[in-house]
């Protein structure tokens, strides 16, 4: 998939950006992926990104960007996809910025709460 902001991105890169709160848009006919501006959309993106990562890897690191990043970078099968192409440095920069986001811990906790099945 090709986006305006990141260029051609691979499936694990897209999934990680979604876990980082980014969502796909199609403004003016061009496809892009941008960081959500509100918590509700951000959290929905996190849940979708985590679900895609689980389907792709058959692993579950929860909503922890740091854990998922380490897993993808150090796994023989997935590291090539995650670090592939011209988009990789831009994706990495976005992921590291979100890991450093002081609000990230709160958002991960909210995502965990949202994902819990109701009793």
N, C-alpha and C. Protein backbone atom coordinates (compact mmCIF):
# COMPACT_ATOMS: atom_id res chain seq x y z
N UNK A 1 0.85 -1.16 0.00
CA UNK A 1 0.00 0.00 0.00
C UNK A 1 0.90 1.24 0.00
N UNK A 2 0.48 2.24 -0.76
CA UNK A 2 1.24 3.48 -0.82
C UNK A 2 0.43 4.61 -0.21
N UNK A 3 1.08 5.37 0.66
CA UNK A 3 0.43 6.50 1.32
C UNK A 3 1.23 7.78 1.05
N UNK A 4 0.58 8.91 1.18
CA UNK A 4 1.27 10.18 0.97
C UNK A 4 2.34 10.43 2.02
N UNK A 5 2.06 10.17 3.27
CA UNK A 5 2.98 10.51 4.35
C UNK A 5 4.17 9.56 4.48
N UNK A 6 3.96 8.29 4.20
CA UNK A 6 5.00 7.30 4.44
C UNK A 6 5.52 6.62 3.18
N UNK A 7 4.84 6.78 2.06
CA UNK A 7 5.23 6.07 0.85
C UNK A 7 4.67 4.66 0.89
N UNK A 8 5.38 3.74 0.25
CA UNK A 8 4.94 2.34 0.20
C UNK A 8 5.23 1.68 1.54
N UNK A 9 4.17 1.22 2.22
CA UNK A 9 4.35 0.59 3.52
C UNK A 9 3.95 -0.88 3.46
N UNK A 10 4.62 -1.65 4.27
CA UNK A 10 4.39 -3.09 4.35
C UNK A 10 3.30 -3.37 5.40
N UNK A 11 2.72 -4.58 5.36
CA UNK A 11 1.63 -4.90 6.29
C UNK A 11 1.99 -4.71 7.77
N UNK A 12 3.17 -5.14 8.19
CA UNK A 12 3.51 -4.96 9.60
C UNK A 12 3.73 -3.49 9.94
N UNK A 13 4.23 -2.71 8.99
CA UNK A 13 4.40 -1.28 9.21
C UNK A 13 3.05 -0.60 9.38
N UNK A 14 2.10 -0.94 8.52
CA UNK A 14 0.74 -0.39 8.63
C UNK A 14 0.12 -0.78 9.97
N UNK A 15 0.25 -2.04 10.34
CA UNK A 15 -0.33 -2.51 11.60
C UNK A 15 0.27 -1.79 12.80
N UNK A 16 1.58 -1.56 12.77
CA UNK A 16 2.23 -0.84 13.86
C UNK A 16 1.78 0.61 13.92
N UNK A 17 1.63 1.25 12.76
CA UNK A 17 1.14 2.63 12.75
C UNK A 17 -0.27 2.69 13.31
N UNK A 18 -1.09 1.71 12.98
CA UNK A 18 -2.44 1.67 13.53
C UNK A 18 -2.38 1.49 15.05
N UNK A 19 -1.53 0.59 15.52
CA UNK A 19 -1.36 0.40 16.96
C UNK A 19 -0.88 1.70 17.63
N UNK A 20 -0.17 2.52 16.86
CA UNK A 20 0.31 3.81 17.36
C UNK A 20 -0.75 4.90 17.23
N UNK A 21 -1.97 4.53 16.84
CA UNK A 21 -3.06 5.49 16.79
C UNK A 21 -3.31 6.13 15.44
N UNK A 22 -2.63 5.67 14.41
CA UNK A 22 -2.81 6.23 13.07
C UNK A 22 -4.00 5.56 12.38
N UNK A 23 -4.65 6.31 11.48
CA UNK A 23 -5.74 5.72 10.71
C UNK A 23 -5.61 6.10 9.24
N UNK A 24 -6.15 5.22 8.41
CA UNK A 24 -6.14 5.44 6.97
C UNK A 24 -7.18 6.49 6.61
N UNK A 25 -6.82 7.36 5.69
CA UNK A 25 -7.76 8.37 5.18
C UNK A 25 -7.66 8.40 3.66
N UNK A 26 -8.66 8.97 3.06
CA UNK A 26 -8.63 9.16 1.61
C UNK A 26 -9.14 10.57 1.34
N UNK A 27 -8.27 11.53 1.62
CA UNK A 27 -8.64 12.94 1.42
C UNK A 27 -8.20 13.39 0.03
N UNK A 28 -9.08 14.02 -0.69
CA UNK A 28 -8.75 14.50 -2.02
C UNK A 28 -8.38 13.39 -2.99
N UNK A 29 -8.87 12.18 -2.73
CA UNK A 29 -8.60 11.06 -3.62
C UNK A 29 -7.28 10.36 -3.37
N UNK A 30 -6.44 10.89 -2.48
CA UNK A 30 -5.14 10.27 -2.19
C UNK A 30 -5.22 9.52 -0.87
N UNK A 31 -4.65 8.34 -0.84
CA UNK A 31 -4.64 7.53 0.38
C UNK A 31 -3.51 8.00 1.28
N UNK A 32 -3.79 8.11 2.56
CA UNK A 32 -2.78 8.51 3.52
C UNK A 32 -3.06 7.84 4.85
N UNK A 33 -2.10 7.92 5.75
CA UNK A 33 -2.27 7.42 7.11
C UNK A 33 -1.77 8.52 8.04
N UNK A 34 -2.65 8.94 8.94
CA UNK A 34 -2.35 10.07 9.83
C UNK A 34 -2.71 9.70 11.26
N UNK A 35 -2.07 10.38 12.20
CA UNK A 35 -2.35 10.13 13.62
C UNK A 35 -3.73 10.67 13.96
N UNK A 36 -4.51 9.88 14.66
CA UNK A 36 -5.84 10.29 15.08
C UNK A 36 -5.75 11.49 16.00
N UNK A 37 -6.74 12.36 15.89
CA UNK A 37 -6.74 13.57 16.70
C UNK A 37 -7.56 13.45 17.98
N UNK A 38 -8.38 12.40 18.08
CA UNK A 38 -9.19 12.24 19.29
C UNK A 38 -8.97 10.84 19.87
N UNK A 39 -9.18 10.72 21.18
CA UNK A 39 -8.93 9.45 21.87
C UNK A 39 -9.77 8.31 21.31
N UNK A 40 -11.03 8.56 20.98
CA UNK A 40 -11.91 7.49 20.52
C UNK A 40 -11.36 6.85 19.24
N UNK A 41 -11.00 7.66 18.26
CA UNK A 41 -10.45 7.13 17.01
C UNK A 41 -9.09 6.50 17.25
N UNK A 42 -8.28 7.13 18.07
CA UNK A 42 -6.96 6.61 18.41
C UNK A 42 -7.09 5.19 18.99
N UNK A 43 -8.01 5.02 19.95
CA UNK A 43 -8.20 3.73 20.59
C UNK A 43 -8.75 2.68 19.63
N UNK A 44 -9.67 3.09 18.78
CA UNK A 44 -10.19 2.15 17.77
C UNK A 44 -9.07 1.68 16.85
N UNK A 45 -8.18 2.60 16.48
CA UNK A 45 -7.03 2.23 15.65
C UNK A 45 -6.10 1.27 16.37
N UNK A 46 -5.89 1.52 17.66
CA UNK A 46 -5.04 0.62 18.45
C UNK A 46 -5.60 -0.80 18.45
N UNK A 47 -6.89 -0.94 18.68
CA UNK A 47 -7.50 -2.26 18.71
C UNK A 47 -7.37 -2.95 17.36
N UNK A 48 -7.60 -2.21 16.28
CA UNK A 48 -7.48 -2.79 14.94
C UNK A 48 -6.04 -3.17 14.64
N UNK A 49 -5.10 -2.31 15.00
CA UNK A 49 -3.68 -2.59 14.75
C UNK A 49 -3.21 -3.83 15.49
N UNK A 50 -3.63 -3.94 16.75
CA UNK A 50 -3.24 -5.12 17.53
C UNK A 50 -3.83 -6.39 16.92
N UNK A 51 -5.07 -6.32 16.50
CA UNK A 51 -5.73 -7.47 15.89
C UNK A 51 -5.00 -7.91 14.61
N UNK A 52 -4.61 -6.95 13.79
CA UNK A 52 -3.87 -7.27 12.55
C UNK A 52 -2.52 -7.89 12.87
N UNK A 53 -1.83 -7.35 13.87
CA UNK A 53 -0.52 -7.90 14.24
C UNK A 53 -0.65 -9.34 14.75
N UNK A 54 -1.68 -9.61 15.54
CA UNK A 54 -1.89 -10.97 16.04
C UNK A 54 -2.15 -11.92 14.88
N UNK A 55 -3.01 -11.50 13.94
CA UNK A 55 -3.31 -12.36 12.78
C UNK A 55 -2.06 -12.65 11.96
N UNK A 56 -1.23 -11.64 11.79
CA UNK A 56 -0.03 -11.77 10.98
C UNK A 56 1.05 -12.62 11.65
N UNK A 57 1.23 -12.43 12.95
CA UNK A 57 2.37 -13.05 13.66
C UNK A 57 2.02 -14.26 14.50
N UNK A 58 0.73 -14.44 14.81
CA UNK A 58 0.30 -15.48 15.74
C UNK A 58 0.94 -15.28 17.12
N UNK A 59 1.24 -14.02 17.45
CA UNK A 59 1.82 -13.63 18.74
C UNK A 59 0.96 -12.51 19.31
N UNK A 60 1.05 -12.29 20.61
CA UNK A 60 0.29 -11.20 21.21
C UNK A 60 1.14 -10.46 22.23
N UNK A 61 1.47 -9.22 21.90
CA UNK A 61 2.21 -8.33 22.81
C UNK A 61 1.28 -7.29 23.40
N UNK A 62 -0.02 -7.58 23.38
CA UNK A 62 -0.97 -6.62 23.92
C UNK A 62 -0.98 -5.34 23.11
N UNK A 63 -1.03 -4.20 23.81
CA UNK A 63 -1.07 -2.90 23.15
C UNK A 63 0.26 -2.15 23.30
N UNK A 64 1.28 -2.88 23.75
CA UNK A 64 2.59 -2.28 23.98
C UNK A 64 3.35 -2.10 22.66
N UNK A 65 3.49 -0.86 22.23
CA UNK A 65 4.27 -0.58 21.02
C UNK A 65 5.71 -1.03 21.19
N UNK A 66 6.25 -0.80 22.38
CA UNK A 66 7.64 -1.17 22.64
C UNK A 66 7.85 -2.68 22.48
N UNK A 67 6.96 -3.46 23.06
CA UNK A 67 7.04 -4.92 22.96
C UNK A 67 6.90 -5.38 21.51
N UNK A 68 5.90 -4.85 20.81
CA UNK A 68 5.68 -5.24 19.41
C UNK A 68 6.88 -4.85 18.54
N UNK A 69 7.42 -3.66 18.76
CA UNK A 69 8.58 -3.21 17.97
C UNK A 69 9.75 -4.16 18.15
N UNK A 70 10.05 -4.50 19.40
CA UNK A 70 11.16 -5.42 19.67
C UNK A 70 10.90 -6.79 19.03
N UNK A 71 9.67 -7.27 19.17
CA UNK A 71 9.33 -8.57 18.60
C UNK A 71 9.54 -8.56 17.08
N UNK A 72 8.99 -7.56 16.40
CA UNK A 72 9.09 -7.52 14.94
C UNK A 72 10.53 -7.34 14.47
N UNK A 73 11.28 -6.47 15.13
CA UNK A 73 12.66 -6.22 14.71
C UNK A 73 13.57 -7.42 14.93
N UNK A 74 13.25 -8.26 15.93
CA UNK A 74 14.13 -9.37 16.28
C UNK A 74 13.64 -10.73 15.83
N UNK A 75 12.54 -10.79 15.12
CA UNK A 75 11.99 -12.06 14.64
C UNK A 75 12.41 -12.26 13.19
N UNK A 76 13.06 -13.39 12.92
CA UNK A 76 13.58 -13.65 11.57
C UNK A 76 12.53 -13.48 10.48
N UNK A 77 11.34 -13.99 10.72
CA UNK A 77 10.29 -13.95 9.69
C UNK A 77 9.72 -12.56 9.47
N UNK A 78 9.60 -11.76 10.52
CA UNK A 78 8.90 -10.48 10.41
C UNK A 78 9.81 -9.26 10.32
N UNK A 79 11.08 -9.40 10.68
CA UNK A 79 11.96 -8.23 10.67
C UNK A 79 12.16 -7.68 9.26
N UNK A 80 12.21 -8.55 8.26
CA UNK A 80 12.39 -8.08 6.88
C UNK A 80 11.21 -7.22 6.44
N UNK A 81 10.00 -7.62 6.78
CA UNK A 81 8.80 -6.87 6.42
C UNK A 81 8.76 -5.54 7.16
N UNK A 82 9.06 -5.56 8.45
CA UNK A 82 8.97 -4.36 9.27
C UNK A 82 10.04 -3.33 8.91
N UNK A 83 11.21 -3.77 8.50
CA UNK A 83 12.31 -2.85 8.21
C UNK A 83 12.51 -2.62 6.72
N UNK A 84 11.58 -3.08 5.89
CA UNK A 84 11.73 -3.01 4.43
C UNK A 84 11.37 -1.64 3.87
N UNK A 85 12.14 -1.20 2.90
CA UNK A 85 11.77 -0.08 2.06
C UNK A 85 12.08 1.30 2.60
N UNK A 86 11.77 2.28 1.75
CA UNK A 86 12.02 3.68 2.08
C UNK A 86 11.14 4.19 3.20
N UNK A 87 10.00 3.55 3.43
CA UNK A 87 9.09 3.99 4.48
C UNK A 87 9.59 3.60 5.87
N UNK A 88 10.43 2.58 5.95
CA UNK A 88 10.86 2.05 7.25
C UNK A 88 11.41 3.12 8.20
N UNK A 89 12.31 4.00 7.75
CA UNK A 89 12.81 5.02 8.69
C UNK A 89 11.71 5.97 9.19
N UNK A 90 10.77 6.32 8.32
CA UNK A 90 9.67 7.20 8.73
C UNK A 90 8.73 6.48 9.69
N UNK A 91 8.47 5.21 9.43
CA UNK A 91 7.63 4.42 10.33
C UNK A 91 8.31 4.31 11.68
N UNK A 92 9.59 3.99 11.66
CA UNK A 92 10.36 3.85 12.92
C UNK A 92 10.33 5.16 13.71
N UNK A 93 10.49 6.27 13.05
CA UNK A 93 10.46 7.57 13.72
C UNK A 93 9.09 7.80 14.38
N UNK A 94 8.02 7.47 13.67
CA UNK A 94 6.66 7.64 14.22
C UNK A 94 6.43 6.72 15.41
N UNK A 95 6.91 5.48 15.31
CA UNK A 95 6.72 4.52 16.40
C UNK A 95 7.52 4.95 17.62
N UNK A 96 8.76 5.35 17.44
CA UNK A 96 9.57 5.80 18.58
C UNK A 96 8.99 7.05 19.23
N UNK A 97 8.45 7.95 18.42
CA UNK A 97 7.81 9.15 18.98
C UNK A 97 6.60 8.77 19.82
N UNK A 98 5.85 7.78 19.36
CA UNK A 98 4.65 7.38 20.10
C UNK A 98 5.03 6.59 21.36
N UNK A 99 6.09 5.81 21.30
CA UNK A 99 6.57 5.11 22.50
C UNK A 99 6.95 6.15 23.57
N UNK A 100 7.54 7.26 23.13
CA UNK A 100 7.97 8.31 24.06
C UNK A 100 6.82 9.23 24.48
N UNK A 101 5.67 9.10 23.89
CA UNK A 101 4.52 9.94 24.21
C UNK A 101 4.15 9.73 25.68
N UNK A 102 4.15 10.79 26.49
CA UNK A 102 3.82 10.63 27.91
C UNK A 102 2.39 10.15 28.15
N UNK A 103 1.54 10.26 27.16
CA UNK A 103 0.14 9.84 27.28
C UNK A 103 -0.06 8.38 26.85
N UNK A 104 0.98 7.77 26.31
CA UNK A 104 0.84 6.42 25.74
C UNK A 104 0.40 5.39 26.79
N UNK A 105 0.96 5.43 27.97
CA UNK A 105 0.62 4.46 29.01
C UNK A 105 -0.88 4.52 29.33
N UNK A 106 -1.41 5.72 29.43
CA UNK A 106 -2.85 5.89 29.69
C UNK A 106 -3.67 5.29 28.55
N UNK A 107 -3.26 5.54 27.32
CA UNK A 107 -3.99 5.04 26.15
C UNK A 107 -3.93 3.52 26.06
N UNK A 108 -2.78 2.94 26.40
CA UNK A 108 -2.67 1.47 26.41
C UNK A 108 -3.59 0.87 27.46
N UNK A 109 -3.67 1.51 28.63
CA UNK A 109 -4.57 1.02 29.69
C UNK A 109 -6.03 1.13 29.24
N UNK A 110 -6.39 2.22 28.58
CA UNK A 110 -7.76 2.37 28.07
C UNK A 110 -8.08 1.32 27.02
N UNK A 111 -7.12 1.03 26.15
CA UNK A 111 -7.33 0.00 25.13
C UNK A 111 -7.56 -1.37 25.77
N UNK A 112 -6.80 -1.67 26.82
CA UNK A 112 -6.98 -2.92 27.54
C UNK A 112 -8.40 -3.00 28.11
N UNK A 113 -8.86 -1.91 28.69
CA UNK A 113 -10.23 -1.87 29.27
C UNK A 113 -11.28 -2.07 28.18
N UNK A 114 -11.09 -1.40 27.03
CA UNK A 114 -12.05 -1.51 25.94
C UNK A 114 -12.14 -2.94 25.40
N UNK A 115 -11.01 -3.63 25.42
CA UNK A 115 -10.94 -4.95 24.83
C UNK A 115 -11.49 -6.05 25.75
N UNK A 116 -11.66 -5.73 27.03
CA UNK A 116 -12.17 -6.73 27.97
C UNK A 116 -13.61 -7.08 27.62
N UNK A 117 -13.90 -8.38 27.60
CA UNK A 117 -15.30 -8.77 27.35
C UNK A 117 -16.17 -8.37 28.54
N UNK A 118 -17.37 -7.91 28.21
CA UNK A 118 -18.29 -7.53 29.28
C UNK A 118 -18.85 -8.78 29.95
N UNK A 119 -18.97 -8.71 31.26
CA UNK A 119 -19.47 -9.87 32.03
C UNK A 119 -20.97 -9.83 32.14
